[in-house]
């Protein structure tokens, strides 16, 4: 359960919420145990879930995480949720890049 002391609200308006989260985080715990980088694991595991949930609440809601201010490299995880203006066109979101072998790239290129 998320407690009040786990989240510092930096900014709250009708269209924007910026927080620093310091709650116990299973992704952080597992990432540290596996000696991985939270800048990678959180982007791959946590961020898509946050975006999915918000999109189903309201398609105009956008989730962003500042990967220069994320645990364990900072004292908390800086996150922003905001409401896109109605007239804003959708933008292409960068996806996670996966490494492909030479044969996989060749097969992908020959399929197109």
PDB file of N, CA and C in Angstrom:
ATOM      1  N   UNK A   1       0.836  -1.174   0.000  1.00  0.00           N
ATOM      2  CA  UNK A   1       0.000   0.000   0.000  1.00  0.00           C
ATOM      3  C   UNK A   1       0.885   1.243   0.000  1.00  0.00           C
ATOM      4  N   UNK A   2       0.547   2.181  -0.841  1.00  0.00           N
ATOM      5  CA  UNK A   2       1.291   3.428  -0.944  1.00  0.00           C
ATOM      6  C   UNK A   2       0.905   4.358   0.205  1.00  0.00           C
ATOM      7  N   UNK A   3       1.910   4.841   0.923  1.00  0.00           N
ATOM      8  CA  UNK A   3       1.654   5.730   2.055  1.00  0.00           C
ATOM      9  C   UNK A   3       2.032   7.160   1.680  1.00  0.00           C
ATOM     10  N   UNK A   4       1.407   8.097   2.370  1.00  0.00           N
ATOM     11  CA  UNK A   4       1.631   9.522   2.103  1.00  0.00           C
ATOM     12  C   UNK A   4       3.122   9.881   2.147  1.00  0.00           C
ATOM     13  N   UNK A   5       3.845   9.324   3.099  1.00  0.00           N
ATOM     14  CA  UNK A   5       5.262   9.669   3.239  1.00  0.00           C
ATOM     15  C   UNK A   5       6.142   9.071   2.136  1.00  0.00           C
ATOM     16  N   UNK A   6       5.596   8.182   1.333  1.00  0.00           N
ATOM     17  CA  UNK A   6       6.350   7.564   0.241  1.00  0.00           C
ATOM     18  C   UNK A   6       6.391   8.420  -1.019  1.00  0.00           C
ATOM     19  N   UNK A   7       5.497   9.415  -1.107  1.00  0.00           N
ATOM     20  CA  UNK A   7       5.403  10.210  -2.330  1.00  0.00           C
ATOM     21  C   UNK A   7       5.434  11.696  -1.982  1.00  0.00           C
ATOM     22  N   UNK A   8       6.394  12.392  -2.563  1.00  0.00           N
ATOM     23  CA  UNK A   8       6.474  13.845  -2.405  1.00  0.00           C
ATOM     24  C   UNK A   8       5.865  14.490  -3.647  1.00  0.00           C
ATOM     25  N   UNK A   9       4.841  15.289  -3.453  1.00  0.00           N
ATOM     26  CA  UNK A   9       4.211  15.991  -4.571  1.00  0.00           C
ATOM     27  C   UNK A   9       4.992  17.281  -4.805  1.00  0.00           C
ATOM     28  N   UNK A  10       5.608  17.371  -5.967  1.00  0.00           N
ATOM     29  CA  UNK A  10       6.400  18.539  -6.339  1.00  0.00           C
ATOM     30  C   UNK A  10       5.502  19.605  -6.959  1.00  0.00           C
ATOM     31  N   UNK A  11       4.568  19.159  -7.789  1.00  0.00           N
ATOM     32  CA  UNK A  11       3.666  20.087  -8.473  1.00  0.00           C
ATOM     33  C   UNK A  11       2.336  19.392  -8.705  1.00  0.00           C
ATOM     34  N   UNK A  12       1.254  20.124  -8.488  1.00  0.00           N
ATOM     35  CA  UNK A  12      -0.086  19.591  -8.740  1.00  0.00           C
ATOM     36  C   UNK A  12      -0.955  20.722  -9.277  1.00  0.00           C
ATOM     37  N   UNK A  13      -1.396  20.558 -10.516  1.00  0.00           N
ATOM     38  CA  UNK A  13      -2.313  21.512 -11.139  1.00  0.00           C
ATOM     39  C   UNK A  13      -3.473  20.720 -11.733  1.00  0.00           C
ATOM     40  N   UNK A  14      -4.355  21.410 -12.429  1.00  0.00           N
ATOM     41  CA  UNK A  14      -5.472  20.727 -13.089  1.00  0.00           C
ATOM     42  C   UNK A  14      -5.008  19.806 -14.210  1.00  0.00           C
ATOM     43  N   UNK A  15      -3.816  20.051 -14.748  1.00  0.00           N
ATOM     44  CA  UNK A  15      -3.351  19.280 -15.904  1.00  0.00           C
ATOM     45  C   UNK A  15      -2.015  18.577 -15.700  1.00  0.00           C
ATOM     46  N   UNK A  16      -1.421  18.690 -14.505  1.00  0.00           N
ATOM     47  CA  UNK A  16      -0.093  18.118 -14.324  1.00  0.00           C
ATOM     48  C   UNK A  16       0.145  17.695 -12.872  1.00  0.00           C
ATOM     49  N   UNK A  17       0.818  16.546 -12.734  1.00  0.00           N
ATOM     50  CA  UNK A  17       1.244  16.037 -11.433  1.00  0.00           C
ATOM     51  C   UNK A  17       2.706  15.623 -11.554  1.00  0.00           C
ATOM     52  N   UNK A  18       3.556  16.180 -10.701  1.00  0.00           N
ATOM     53  CA  UNK A  18       4.964  15.788 -10.657  1.00  0.00           C
ATOM     54  C   UNK A  18       5.251  15.301  -9.244  1.00  0.00           C
ATOM     55  N   UNK A  19       5.821  14.096  -9.153  1.00  0.00           N
ATOM     56  CA  UNK A  19       6.098  13.492  -7.853  1.00  0.00           C
ATOM     57  C   UNK A  19       7.508  12.920  -7.799  1.00  0.00           C
ATOM     58  N   UNK A  20       7.985  12.739  -6.579  1.00  0.00           N
ATOM     59  CA  UNK A  20       9.187  11.946  -6.326  1.00  0.00           C
ATOM     60  C   UNK A  20       8.727  10.784  -5.456  1.00  0.00           C
ATOM     61  N   UNK A  21       8.881   9.571  -5.973  1.00  0.00           N
ATOM     62  CA  UNK A  21       8.434   8.366  -5.260  1.00  0.00           C
ATOM     63  C   UNK A  21       9.598   7.739  -4.507  1.00  0.00           C
ATOM     64  N   UNK A  22       9.331   7.408  -3.244  1.00  0.00           N
ATOM     65  CA  UNK A  22      10.345   6.762  -2.403  1.00  0.00           C
ATOM     66  C   UNK A  22       9.784   5.494  -1.757  1.00  0.00           C
ATOM     67  N   UNK A  23       8.712   5.000  -2.301  1.00  0.00           N
ATOM     68  CA  UNK A  23       8.037   3.831  -1.748  1.00  0.00           C
ATOM     69  C   UNK A  23       8.861   2.557  -1.943  1.00  0.00           C
ATOM     70  N   UNK A  24       8.618   1.537  -1.109  1.00  0.00           N
ATOM     71  CA  UNK A  24       9.246   0.237  -1.356  1.00  0.00           C
ATOM     72  C   UNK A  24       8.835  -0.240  -2.752  1.00  0.00           C
ATOM     73  N   UNK A  25       9.807  -0.609  -3.554  1.00  0.00           N
ATOM     74  CA  UNK A  25       9.531  -0.942  -4.954  1.00  0.00           C
ATOM     75  C   UNK A  25      10.086  -2.325  -5.282  1.00  0.00           C
ATOM     76  N   UNK A  26       9.229  -3.269  -5.666  1.00  0.00           N
ATOM     77  CA  UNK A  26       9.718  -4.616  -5.987  1.00  0.00           C
ATOM     78  C   UNK A  26      10.621  -4.640  -7.220  1.00  0.00           C
ATOM     79  N   UNK A  27      10.394  -3.736  -8.162  1.00  0.00           N
ATOM     80  CA  UNK A  27      11.251  -3.695  -9.355  1.00  0.00           C
ATOM     81  C   UNK A  27      12.647  -3.215  -8.965  1.00  0.00           C
ATOM     82  N   UNK A  28      12.719  -2.203  -8.118  1.00  0.00           N
ATOM     83  CA  UNK A  28      14.014  -1.718  -7.625  1.00  0.00           C
ATOM     84  C   UNK A  28      14.737  -2.823  -6.858  1.00  0.00           C
ATOM     85  N   UNK A  29      14.029  -3.488  -5.969  1.00  0.00           N
ATOM     86  CA  UNK A  29      14.629  -4.548  -5.152  1.00  0.00           C
ATOM     87  C   UNK A  29      15.191  -5.675  -6.028  1.00  0.00           C
ATOM     88  N   UNK A  30      14.401  -6.147  -6.976  1.00  0.00           N
ATOM     89  CA  UNK A  30      14.845  -7.231  -7.856  1.00  0.00           C
ATOM     90  C   UNK A  30      16.001  -6.784  -8.748  1.00  0.00           C
ATOM     91  N   UNK A  31      15.910  -5.570  -9.260  1.00  0.00           N
ATOM     92  CA  UNK A  31      16.969  -5.044 -10.119  1.00  0.00           C
ATOM     93  C   UNK A  31      18.299  -4.985  -9.380  1.00  0.00           C
ATOM     94  N   UNK A  32      18.261  -4.536  -8.138  1.00  0.00           N
ATOM     95  CA  UNK A  32      19.490  -4.478  -7.344  1.00  0.00           C
ATOM     96  C   UNK A  32      20.022  -5.877  -7.045  1.00  0.00           C
ATOM     97  N   UNK A  33      19.119  -6.811  -6.744  1.00  0.00           N
ATOM     98  CA  UNK A  33      19.544  -8.194  -6.475  1.00  0.00           C
ATOM     99  C   UNK A  33      20.216  -8.806  -7.699  1.00  0.00           C
ATOM    100  N   UNK A  34      19.698  -8.481  -8.884  1.00  0.00           N
ATOM    101  CA  UNK A  34      20.235  -9.036 -10.128  1.00  0.00           C
ATOM    102  C   UNK A  34      21.404  -8.220 -10.678  1.00  0.00           C
ATOM    103  N   UNK A  35      21.761  -7.143  -9.956  1.00  0.00           N
ATOM    104  CA  UNK A  35      22.856  -6.259 -10.372  1.00  0.00           C
ATOM    105  C   UNK A  35      22.616  -5.702 -11.776  1.00  0.00           C
ATOM    106  N   UNK A  36      21.378  -5.260 -11.979  1.00  0.00           N
ATOM    107  CA  UNK A  36      21.007  -4.643 -13.249  1.00  0.00           C
ATOM    108  C   UNK A  36      20.834  -3.141 -13.034  1.00  0.00           C
ATOM    109  N   UNK A  37      20.492  -2.442 -14.091  1.00  0.00           N
ATOM    110  CA  UNK A  37      20.345  -0.991 -14.061  1.00  0.00           C
ATOM    111  C   UNK A  37      18.865  -0.623 -14.098  1.00  0.00           C
ATOM    112  N   UNK A  38      18.412   0.119 -13.096  1.00  0.00           N
ATOM    113  CA  UNK A  38      16.998   0.509 -13.039  1.00  0.00           C
ATOM    114  C   UNK A  38      16.602   1.397 -14.210  1.00  0.00           C
ATOM    115  N   UNK A  39      17.563   2.101 -14.786  1.00  0.00           N
ATOM    116  CA  UNK A  39      17.226   2.941 -15.945  1.00  0.00           C
ATOM    117  C   UNK A  39      16.771   2.072 -17.111  1.00  0.00           C
ATOM    118  N   UNK A  40      17.196   0.836 -17.130  1.00  0.00           N
ATOM    119  CA  UNK A  40      16.766  -0.114 -18.160  1.00  0.00           C
ATOM    120  C   UNK A  40      15.522  -0.885 -17.706  1.00  0.00           C
ATOM    121  N   UNK A  41      15.579  -1.478 -16.520  1.00  0.00           N
ATOM    122  CA  UNK A  41      14.476  -2.348 -16.090  1.00  0.00           C
ATOM    123  C   UNK A  41      13.178  -1.580 -15.882  1.00  0.00           C
ATOM    124  N   UNK A  42      13.265  -0.390 -15.322  1.00  0.00           N
ATOM    125  CA  UNK A  42      12.029   0.383 -15.103  1.00  0.00           C
ATOM    126  C   UNK A  42      11.419   0.834 -16.421  1.00  0.00           C
ATOM    127  N   UNK A  43      12.275   1.186 -17.367  1.00  0.00           N
ATOM    128  CA  UNK A  43      11.770   1.591 -18.688  1.00  0.00           C
ATOM    129  C   UNK A  43      11.100   0.405 -19.376  1.00  0.00           C
ATOM    130  N   UNK A  44      11.653  -0.774 -19.197  1.00  0.00           N
ATOM    131  CA  UNK A  44      11.142  -1.968 -19.864  1.00  0.00           C
ATOM    132  C   UNK A  44       9.932  -2.571 -19.161  1.00  0.00           C
ATOM    133  N   UNK A  45       9.923  -2.568 -17.834  1.00  0.00           N
ATOM    134  CA  UNK A  45       8.882  -3.262 -17.073  1.00  0.00           C
ATOM    135  C   UNK A  45       7.804  -2.313 -16.556  1.00  0.00           C
ATOM    136  N   UNK A  46       8.210  -1.286 -15.862  1.00  0.00           N
ATOM    137  CA  UNK A  46       7.261  -0.427 -15.154  1.00  0.00           C
ATOM    138  C   UNK A  46       6.590   0.617 -16.042  1.00  0.00           C
ATOM    139  N   UNK A  47       7.367   1.272 -16.873  1.00  0.00           N
ATOM    140  CA  UNK A  47       6.820   2.373 -17.677  1.00  0.00           C
ATOM    141  C   UNK A  47       5.689   1.942 -18.607  1.00  0.00           C
ATOM    142  N   UNK A  48       5.801   0.823 -19.324  1.00  0.00           N
ATOM    143  CA  UNK A  48       4.682   0.414 -20.188  1.00  0.00           C
ATOM    144  C   UNK A  48       3.387   0.168 -19.406  1.00  0.00           C
ATOM    145  N   UNK A  49       3.502  -0.363 -18.201  1.00  0.00           N
ATOM    146  CA  UNK A  49       2.309  -0.606 -17.378  1.00  0.00           C
ATOM    147  C   UNK A  49       1.659   0.724 -16.994  1.00  0.00           C
ATOM    148  N   UNK A  50       2.479   1.678 -16.564  1.00  0.00           N
ATOM    149  CA  UNK A  50       1.946   3.004 -16.200  1.00  0.00           C
ATOM    150  C   UNK A  50       1.246   3.646 -17.389  1.00  0.00           C
ATOM    151  N   UNK A  51       1.873   3.592 -18.546  1.00  0.00           N
ATOM    152  CA  UNK A  51       1.271   4.187 -19.751  1.00  0.00           C
ATOM    153  C   UNK A  51      -0.045   3.488 -20.109  1.00  0.00           C
ATOM    154  N   UNK A  52      -0.059   2.182 -19.999  1.00  0.00           N
ATOM    155  CA  UNK A  52      -1.259   1.403 -20.328  1.00  0.00           C
ATOM    156  C   UNK A  52      -2.428   1.789 -19.419  1.00  0.00           C
ATOM    157  N   UNK A  53      -2.168   1.825 -18.121  1.00  0.00           N
ATOM    158  CA  UNK A  53      -3.228   2.155 -17.157  1.00  0.00           C
ATOM    159  C   UNK A  53      -3.757   3.560 -17.413  1.00  0.00           C
ATOM    160  N   UNK A  54      -2.859   4.526 -17.554  1.00  0.00           N
ATOM    161  CA  UNK A  54      -3.294   5.909 -17.774  1.00  0.00           C
ATOM    162  C   UNK A  54      -4.060   6.069 -19.079  1.00  0.00           C
ATOM    163  N   UNK A  55      -3.610   5.395 -20.122  1.00  0.00           N
ATOM    164  CA  UNK A  55      -4.288   5.473 -21.424  1.00  0.00           C
ATOM    165  C   UNK A  55      -5.720   4.969 -21.318  1.00  0.00           C
ATOM    166  N   UNK A  56      -5.952   3.977 -20.459  1.00  0.00           N
ATOM    167  CA  UNK A  56      -7.303   3.443 -20.293  1.00  0.00           C
ATOM    168  C   UNK A  56      -8.164   4.306 -19.372  1.00  0.00           C
ATOM    169  N   UNK A  57      -7.543   5.103 -18.538  1.00  0.00           N
ATOM    170  CA  UNK A  57      -8.298   6.067 -17.737  1.00  0.00           C
ATOM    171  C   UNK A  57      -8.730   7.226 -18.624  1.00  0.00           C
ATOM    172  N   UNK A  58      -7.773   7.768 -19.373  1.00  0.00           N
ATOM    173  CA  UNK A  58      -8.036   8.872 -20.302  1.00  0.00           C
ATOM    174  C   UNK A  58      -6.909   8.867 -21.328  1.00  0.00           C
ATOM    175  N   UNK A  59      -7.223   8.697 -22.611  1.00  0.00           N
ATOM    176  CA  UNK A  59      -6.179   8.619 -23.644  1.00  0.00           C
ATOM    177  C   UNK A  59      -5.284   9.859 -23.725  1.00  0.00           C
ATOM    178  N   UNK A  60      -5.712  10.954 -23.133  1.00  0.00           N
ATOM    179  CA  UNK A  60      -4.901  12.175 -23.168  1.00  0.00           C
ATOM    180  C   UNK A  60      -3.853  12.220 -22.060  1.00  0.00           C
ATOM    181  N   UNK A  61      -3.917  11.296 -21.107  1.00  0.00           N
ATOM    182  CA  UNK A  61      -2.942  11.278 -20.012  1.00  0.00           C
ATOM    183  C   UNK A  61      -1.600  10.723 -20.488  1.00  0.00           C
ATOM    184  N   UNK A  62      -0.530  11.399 -20.105  1.00  0.00           N
ATOM    185  CA  UNK A  62       0.824  11.015 -20.514  1.00  0.00           C
ATOM    186  C   UNK A  62       1.666  10.790 -19.256  1.00  0.00           C
ATOM    187  N   UNK A  63       2.435   9.704 -19.257  1.00  0.00           N
ATOM    188  CA  UNK A  63       3.338   9.385 -18.150  1.00  0.00           C
ATOM    189  C   UNK A  63       4.771   9.564 -18.622  1.00  0.00           C
ATOM    190  N   UNK A  64       5.573  10.243 -17.804  1.00  0.00           N
ATOM    191  CA  UNK A  64       6.998  10.395 -18.085  1.00  0.00           C
ATOM    192  C   UNK A  64       7.780  10.136 -16.802  1.00  0.00           C
ATOM    193  N   UNK A  65       8.934   9.534 -16.952  1.00  0.00           N
ATOM    194  CA  UNK A  65       9.839   9.325 -15.816  1.00  0.00           C
ATOM    195  C   UNK A  65      11.185   9.931 -16.194  1.00  0.00           C
ATOM    196  N   UNK A  66      11.790  10.654 -15.265  1.00  0.00           N
ATOM    197  CA  UNK A  66      13.095  11.255 -15.500  1.00  0.00           C
ATOM    198  C   UNK A  66      14.167  10.235 -15.117  1.00  0.00           C
ATOM    199  N   UNK A  67      14.802   9.626 -16.111  1.00  0.00           N
ATOM    200  CA  UNK A  67      15.781   8.580 -15.841  1.00  0.00           C
ATOM    201  C   UNK A  67      17.124   9.129 -15.359  1.00  0.00           C
ATOM    202  N   UNK A  68      17.247  10.456 -15.281  1.00  0.00           N
ATOM    203  CA  UNK A  68      18.409  11.068 -14.636  1.00  0.00           C
ATOM    204  C   UNK A  68      18.155  11.267 -13.144  1.00  0.00           C
ATOM    205  N   UNK A  69      16.923  10.994 -12.725  1.00  0.00           N
ATOM    206  CA  UNK A  69      16.554  11.134 -11.303  1.00  0.00           C
ATOM    207  C   UNK A  69      15.730   9.906 -10.914  1.00  0.00           C
ATOM    208  N   UNK A  70      16.431   8.776 -10.769  1.00  0.00           N
ATOM    209  CA  UNK A  70      15.773   7.500 -10.466  1.00  0.00           C
ATOM    210  C   UNK A  70      16.633   6.743  -9.460  1.00  0.00           C
ATOM    211  N   UNK A  71      15.982   5.988  -8.583  1.00  0.00           N
ATOM    212  CA  UNK A  71      16.726   5.189  -7.602  1.00  0.00           C
ATOM    213  C   UNK A  71      17.472   4.053  -8.304  1.00  0.00           C
ATOM    214  N   UNK A  72      18.589   3.631  -7.856  1.00  0.00           N
ATOM    215  CA  UNK A  72      19.337   4.038  -6.671  1.00  0.00           C
ATOM    216  C   UNK A  72      20.277   5.220  -6.925  1.00  0.00           C
ATOM    217  N   UNK A  73      20.205   5.846  -8.089  1.00  0.00           N
ATOM    218  CA  UNK A  73      21.111   6.941  -8.440  1.00  0.00           C
ATOM    219  C   UNK A  73      20.667   8.274  -7.844  1.00  0.00           C
ATOM    220  N   UNK A  74      19.444   8.334  -7.370  1.00  0.00           N
ATOM    221  CA  UNK A  74      18.894   9.531  -6.730  1.00  0.00           C
ATOM    222  C   UNK A  74      18.087   9.079  -5.516  1.00  0.00           C
ATOM    223  N   UNK A  75      17.601  10.022  -4.733  1.00  0.00           N
ATOM    224  CA  UNK A  75      16.875   9.677  -3.507  1.00  0.00           C
ATOM    225  C   UNK A  75      15.445   9.217  -3.768  1.00  0.00           C
ATOM    226  N   UNK A  76      14.982   9.346  -4.994  1.00  0.00           N
ATOM    227  CA  UNK A  76      13.633   8.910  -5.349  1.00  0.00           C
ATOM    228  C   UNK A  76      13.473   8.938  -6.856  1.00  0.00           C
ATOM    229  N   UNK A  77      12.318   8.521  -7.315  1.00  0.00           N
ATOM    230  CA  UNK A  77      12.036   8.468  -8.749  1.00  0.00           C
ATOM    231  C   UNK A  77      11.130   9.639  -9.125  1.00  0.00           C
ATOM    232  N   UNK A  78      11.642  10.505  -9.991  1.00  0.00           N
ATOM    233  CA  UNK A  78      10.913  11.690 -10.420  1.00  0.00           C
ATOM    234  C   UNK A  78      10.006  11.320 -11.592  1.00  0.00           C
ATOM    235  N   UNK A  79       8.701  11.502 -11.394  1.00  0.00           N
ATOM    236  CA  UNK A  79       7.722  11.094 -12.405  1.00  0.00           C
ATOM    237  C   UNK A  79       6.723  12.213 -12.651  1.00  0.00           C
ATOM    238  N   UNK A  80       6.211  12.242 -13.858  1.00  0.00           N
ATOM    239  CA  UNK A  80       5.271  13.291 -14.258  1.00  0.00           C
ATOM    240  C   UNK A  80       4.110  12.660 -15.007  1.00  0.00           C
ATOM    241  N   UNK A  81       2.905  13.073 -14.658  1.00  0.00           N
ATOM    242  CA  UNK A  81       1.695  12.704 -15.394  1.00  0.00           C
ATOM    243  C   UNK A  81       1.045  14.017 -15.797  1.00  0.00           C
ATOM    244  N   UNK A  82       0.713  14.137 -17.066  1.00  0.00           N
ATOM    245  CA  UNK A  82       0.070  15.368 -17.505  1.00  0.00           C
ATOM    246  C   UNK A  82      -0.981  15.062 -18.559  1.00  0.00           C
ATOM    247  N   UNK A  83      -1.843  16.022 -18.759  1.00  0.00           N
ATOM    248  CA  UNK A  83      -2.935  15.911 -19.714  1.00  0.00           C
ATOM    249  C   UNK A  83      -2.520  16.616 -20.994  1.00  0.00           C
ATOM    250  N   UNK A  84      -2.471  15.868 -22.099  1.00  0.00           N
ATOM    251  CA  UNK A  84      -2.147  16.458 -23.395  1.00  0.00           C
ATOM    252  C   UNK A  84      -3.253  17.419 -23.804  1.00  0.00           C
ATOM    253  N   UNK A  85      -2.903  18.540 -24.412  1.00  0.00           N
ATOM    254  CA  UNK A  85      -3.947  19.418 -24.947  1.00  0.00           C
ATOM    255  C   UNK A  85      -4.746  18.694 -26.033  1.00  0.00           C
ATOM    256  N   UNK A  86      -6.005  19.028 -26.165  1.00  0.00           N
ATOM    257  CA  UNK A  86      -6.877  18.368 -27.143  1.00  0.00           C
ATOM    258  C   UNK A  86      -6.381  18.513 -28.568  1.00  0.00           C
ATOM    259  N   UNK A  87      -5.775  19.646 -28.897  1.00  0.00           N
ATOM    260  CA  UNK A  87      -5.355  19.887 -30.275  1.00  0.00           C
ATOM    261  C   UNK A  87      -3.979  19.329 -30.605  1.00  0.00           C
ATOM    262  N   UNK A  88      -3.302  18.736 -29.635  1.00  0.00           N
ATOM    263  CA  UNK A  88      -1.961  18.199 -29.876  1.00  0.00           C
ATOM    264  C   UNK A  88      -2.039  16.903 -30.664  1.00  0.00           C
ATOM    265  N   UNK A  89      -1.218  16.818 -31.696  1.00  0.00           N
ATOM    266  CA  UNK A  89      -1.168  15.606 -32.510  1.00  0.00           C
ATOM    267  C   UNK A  89      -0.383  14.534 -31.764  1.00  0.00           C
ATOM    268  N   UNK A  90      -0.757  13.269 -31.964  1.00  0.00           N
ATOM    269  CA  UNK A  90       0.012  12.194 -31.320  1.00  0.00           C
ATOM    270  C   UNK A  90       1.440  12.178 -31.846  1.00  0.00           C
ATOM    271  N   UNK A  91       2.385  11.841 -30.976  1.00  0.00           N
ATOM    272  CA  UNK A  91       3.774  11.765 -31.409  1.00  0.00           C
ATOM    273  C   UNK A  91       4.263  10.331 -31.277  1.00  0.00           C
ATOM    274  N   UNK A  92       5.240  10.025 -32.066  1.00  0.00           N
ATOM    275  CA  UNK A  92       5.823   8.694 -32.029  1.00  0.00           C
ATOM    276  C   UNK A  92       6.659   8.561 -30.766  1.00  0.00           C
ATOM    277  N   UNK A  93       6.399   7.522 -30.015  1.00  0.00           N
ATOM    278  CA  UNK A  93       7.141   7.266 -28.781  1.00  0.00           C
ATOM    279  C   UNK A  93       8.268   6.299 -29.110  1.00  0.00           C
ATOM    280  N   UNK A  94       9.464   6.657 -28.684  1.00  0.00           N
ATOM    281  CA  UNK A  94      10.603   5.768 -28.912  1.00  0.00           C
ATOM    282  C   UNK A  94      10.386   4.446 -28.210  1.00  0.00           C
ATOM    283  N   UNK A  95      10.650   3.386 -28.906  1.00  0.00           N
ATOM    284  CA  UNK A  95      10.504   2.070 -28.297  1.00  0.00           C
ATOM    285  C   UNK A  95      11.869   1.570 -27.831  1.00  0.00           C
ATOM    286  N   UNK A  96      11.836   0.553 -27.019  1.00  0.00           N
ATOM    287  CA  UNK A  96      13.071  -0.070 -26.558  1.00  0.00           C
ATOM    288  C   UNK A  96      13.705  -0.791 -27.739  1.00  0.00           C
ATOM    289  N   UNK A  97      14.985  -0.595 -27.933  1.00  0.00           N
ATOM    290  CA  UNK A  97      15.693  -1.216 -29.043  1.00  0.00           C
ATOM    291  C   UNK A  97      16.253  -2.560 -28.591  1.00  0.00           C
ATOM    292  N   UNK A  98      16.006  -3.584 -29.383  1.00  0.00           N
ATOM    293  CA  UNK A  98      16.521  -4.909 -29.093  1.00  0.00           C
ATOM    294  C   UNK A  98      17.616  -5.244 -30.095  1.00  0.00           C
ATOM    295  N   UNK A  99      18.598  -5.974 -29.661  1.00  0.00           N
ATOM    296  CA  UNK A  99      19.676  -6.387 -30.553  1.00  0.00           C
ATOM    297  C   UNK A  99      19.209  -7.544 -31.416  1.00  0.00           C
ATOM    298  N   UNK A 100      19.487  -7.437 -32.703  1.00  0.00           N
ATOM    299  CA  UNK A 100      19.150  -8.516 -33.624  1.00  0.00           C
ATOM    300  C   UNK A 100      20.439  -9.101 -34.183  1.00  0.00           C
ATOM    301  N   UNK A 101      20.437 -10.398 -34.373  1.00  0.00           N
ATOM    302  CA  UNK A 101      21.594 -11.032 -34.987  1.00  0.00           C
ATOM    303  C   UNK A 101      21.612 -10.689 -36.473  1.00  0.00           C
ATOM    304  N   UNK A 102      22.722 -10.962 -37.119  1.00  0.00           N
ATOM    305  CA  UNK A 102      22.845 -10.691 -38.547  1.00  0.00           C
ATOM    306  C   UNK A 102      21.743 -11.402 -39.323  1.00  0.00           C
ATOM    307  N   UNK A 103      21.480 -12.683 -39.026  1.00  0.00           N
ATOM    308  CA  UNK A 103      20.445 -13.439 -39.733  1.00  0.00           C
ATOM    309  C   UNK A 103      19.055 -12.871 -39.481  1.00  0.00           C
ATOM    310  N   UNK A 104      18.784 -12.441 -38.257  1.00  0.00           N
ATOM    311  CA  UNK A 104      17.481 -11.849 -37.954  1.00  0.00           C
ATOM    312  C   UNK A 104      17.279 -10.552 -38.727  1.00  0.00           C
ATOM    313  N   UNK A 105      18.336  -9.724 -38.817  1.00  0.00           N
ATOM    314  CA  UNK A 105      18.232  -8.472 -39.585  1.00  0.00           C
ATOM    315  C   UNK A 105      18.014  -8.777 -41.055  1.00  0.00           C
ATOM    316  N   UNK A 106      18.745  -9.773 -41.577  1.00  0.00           N
ATOM    317  CA  UNK A 106      18.613 -10.138 -42.986  1.00  0.00           C
ATOM    318  C   UNK A 106      17.194 -10.622 -43.261  1.00  0.00           C
ATOM    319  N   UNK A 107      16.648 -11.472 -42.376  1.00  0.00           N
ATOM    320  CA  UNK A 107      15.281 -11.967 -42.553  1.00  0.00           C
ATOM    321  C   UNK A 107      14.270 -10.835 -42.475  1.00  0.00           C
ATOM    322  N   UNK A 108      14.495  -9.900 -41.586  1.00  0.00           N
ATOM    323  CA  UNK A 108      13.597  -8.755 -41.442  1.00  0.00           C
ATOM    324  C   UNK A 108      13.637  -7.895 -42.701  1.00  0.00           C
ATOM    325  N   UNK A 109      14.835  -7.652 -43.231  1.00  0.00           N
ATOM    326  CA  UNK A 109      14.975  -6.838 -44.439  1.00  0.00           C
ATOM    327  C   UNK A 109      14.390  -7.527 -45.661  1.00  0.00           C
ATOM    328  N   UNK A 110      14.539  -8.834 -45.758  1.00  0.00           N
ATOM    329  CA  UNK A 110      14.009  -9.548 -46.926  1.00  0.00           C
ATOM    330  C   UNK A 110      12.493  -9.668 -46.875  1.00  0.00           C
ATOM    331  N   UNK A 111      11.904  -9.555 -45.687  1.00  0.00           N
ATOM    332  CA  UNK A 111      10.447  -9.647 -45.556  1.00  0.00           C
ATOM    333  C   UNK A 111       9.767  -8.367 -46.006  1.00  0.00           C
ATOM    334  N   UNK A 112      10.493  -7.253 -46.015  1.00  0.00           N
ATOM    335  CA  UNK A 112       9.855  -5.975 -46.383  1.00  0.00           C
ATOM    336  C   UNK A 112      10.023  -5.625 -47.831  1.00  0.00           C
TER     337      UNK A 112
END
